[in-house]
C-alpha cells in the first residue's frame, strides 16, 4: 500500500503526507483502528528510499533504446498509417528520409 502512495506522492505535487489509514476487518461492518504516517516517519522514509533505490537498479538494467529501432518503428507506423491518410505527404517524406 505505501509503495503506491510513495509513487503517487513523487508523481503528483498535490499529494503528500500525512498518510491516514484505517484497518477494516472483512464483513465486520464497523470501523477499526486508525493511524497516520507523517512525512518524517522512519518507516515511510525507509519505504520511499528503498523503493527509489530499487527503481534505480531496475532502470539501470533496462536495455537502451537505439536510434535505429526508433527510426524503424516510425517507418512501420508510417507505412500502416499512410494508407489511412494520417500523415500528409510532407511528413511522409520526412519520416522516410530519416
Protein backbone atom coordinates (compact mmCIF):
# COMPACT_ATOMS: atom_id res chain seq x y z
CA UNK A 1 0.00 0.00 0.00
CA UNK A 2 2.69 2.50 0.91
CA UNK A 3 4.65 1.87 -2.31
CA UNK A 4 1.66 3.04 -4.29
CA UNK A 5 1.35 6.15 -2.16
CA UNK A 6 5.08 6.86 -2.47
CA UNK A 7 4.92 6.69 -6.27
CA UNK A 8 1.84 8.91 -6.32
CA UNK A 9 3.49 11.44 -3.99
CA UNK A 10 6.52 11.64 -6.29
CA UNK A 11 4.39 11.93 -9.44
CA UNK A 12 1.78 14.42 -8.21
CA UNK A 13 2.73 17.57 -6.33
CA UNK A 14 -0.78 17.87 -4.87
CA UNK A 15 -0.43 14.55 -2.99
CA UNK A 16 1.68 14.17 0.14
CA UNK A 17 1.92 13.20 3.79
CA UNK A 18 0.43 12.80 6.21
CA UNK A 19 -1.00 9.46 5.06
CA UNK A 20 -4.01 8.41 7.09
CA UNK A 21 -5.12 4.79 7.23
CA UNK A 22 -7.80 2.68 8.78
CA UNK A 23 -7.89 -1.07 9.29
CA UNK A 24 -11.15 -2.75 8.38
CA UNK A 25 -11.91 -6.37 9.15
CA UNK A 26 -13.84 -8.03 6.34
CA UNK A 27 -17.59 -8.22 6.97
CA UNK A 28 -17.24 -6.59 10.42
CA UNK A 29 -19.42 -3.60 9.46
CA UNK A 30 -17.59 -1.35 11.91
CA UNK A 31 -14.56 0.89 11.72
CA UNK A 32 -11.28 -0.39 13.02
CA UNK A 33 -8.13 1.23 14.34
CA UNK A 34 -6.75 4.27 12.53
CA UNK A 35 -3.29 5.73 12.21
CA UNK A 36 -1.20 8.30 10.40
CA UNK A 37 2.20 8.33 8.74
CA UNK A 38 3.85 11.77 8.87
CA UNK A 39 6.44 12.91 6.31
CA UNK A 40 9.34 12.27 8.72
CA UNK A 41 8.14 8.83 9.83
CA UNK A 42 11.16 6.45 9.79
CA UNK A 43 9.18 3.59 8.23
CA UNK A 44 7.74 5.82 5.49
CA UNK A 45 11.23 7.17 4.74
CA UNK A 46 12.66 3.65 4.61
CA UNK A 47 9.95 2.54 2.18
CA UNK A 48 10.49 5.61 0.00
CA UNK A 49 14.28 5.32 -0.06
CA UNK A 50 14.21 1.56 -0.65
CA UNK A 51 11.69 1.90 -3.46
CA UNK A 52 13.79 4.65 -5.04
CA UNK A 53 16.93 2.50 -4.91
CA UNK A 54 15.08 -0.49 -6.38
CA UNK A 55 13.72 1.62 -9.24
CA UNK A 56 17.21 2.96 -10.00
CA UNK A 57 18.67 -0.56 -10.10
CA UNK A 58 15.85 -1.72 -12.37
CA UNK A 59 16.22 1.31 -14.62
CA UNK A 60 19.97 0.69 -14.94
CA UNK A 61 19.35 -2.87 -16.13
CA UNK A 62 16.88 -1.92 -18.86
CA UNK A 63 18.16 -2.14 -22.45
CA UNK A 64 18.94 1.11 -24.24
CA UNK A 65 16.60 2.25 -26.98
CA UNK A 66 18.64 2.64 -30.16
CA UNK A 67 18.01 5.37 -32.71
CA UNK A 68 17.88 2.70 -35.42
CA UNK A 69 15.00 0.96 -33.63
CA UNK A 70 13.19 4.28 -33.21
CA UNK A 71 13.54 5.02 -36.92
CA UNK A 72 12.29 1.53 -37.81
CA UNK A 73 9.23 1.94 -35.54
CA UNK A 74 8.42 5.33 -37.05
CA UNK A 75 8.65 3.88 -40.55
CA UNK A 76 6.45 0.90 -39.56
CA UNK A 77 3.85 3.26 -38.17
CA UNK A 78 4.08 5.49 -41.22
CA UNK A 79 3.65 2.55 -43.59
CA UNK A 80 0.50 1.41 -41.83
CA UNK A 81 -0.89 4.90 -41.22
CA UNK A 82 -0.28 6.47 -44.64
CA UNK A 83 -2.93 4.24 -46.19
CA UNK A 84 -5.39 5.72 -43.75
CA UNK A 85 -4.34 9.28 -44.63
CA UNK A 86 -2.94 10.15 -41.19
CA UNK A 87 0.17 11.88 -42.49
CA UNK A 88 0.48 14.48 -45.20
CA UNK A 89 2.99 13.82 -47.99
CA UNK A 90 5.37 16.35 -46.39
CA UNK A 91 5.58 14.32 -43.19
CA UNK A 92 5.71 11.00 -45.03
CA UNK A 93 8.83 12.19 -46.92
CA UNK A 94 10.39 13.47 -43.68
CA UNK A 95 10.00 10.10 -41.94
CA UNK A 96 11.09 8.07 -44.97
CA UNK A 97 14.34 10.09 -45.17
CA UNK A 98 15.28 9.60 -41.50
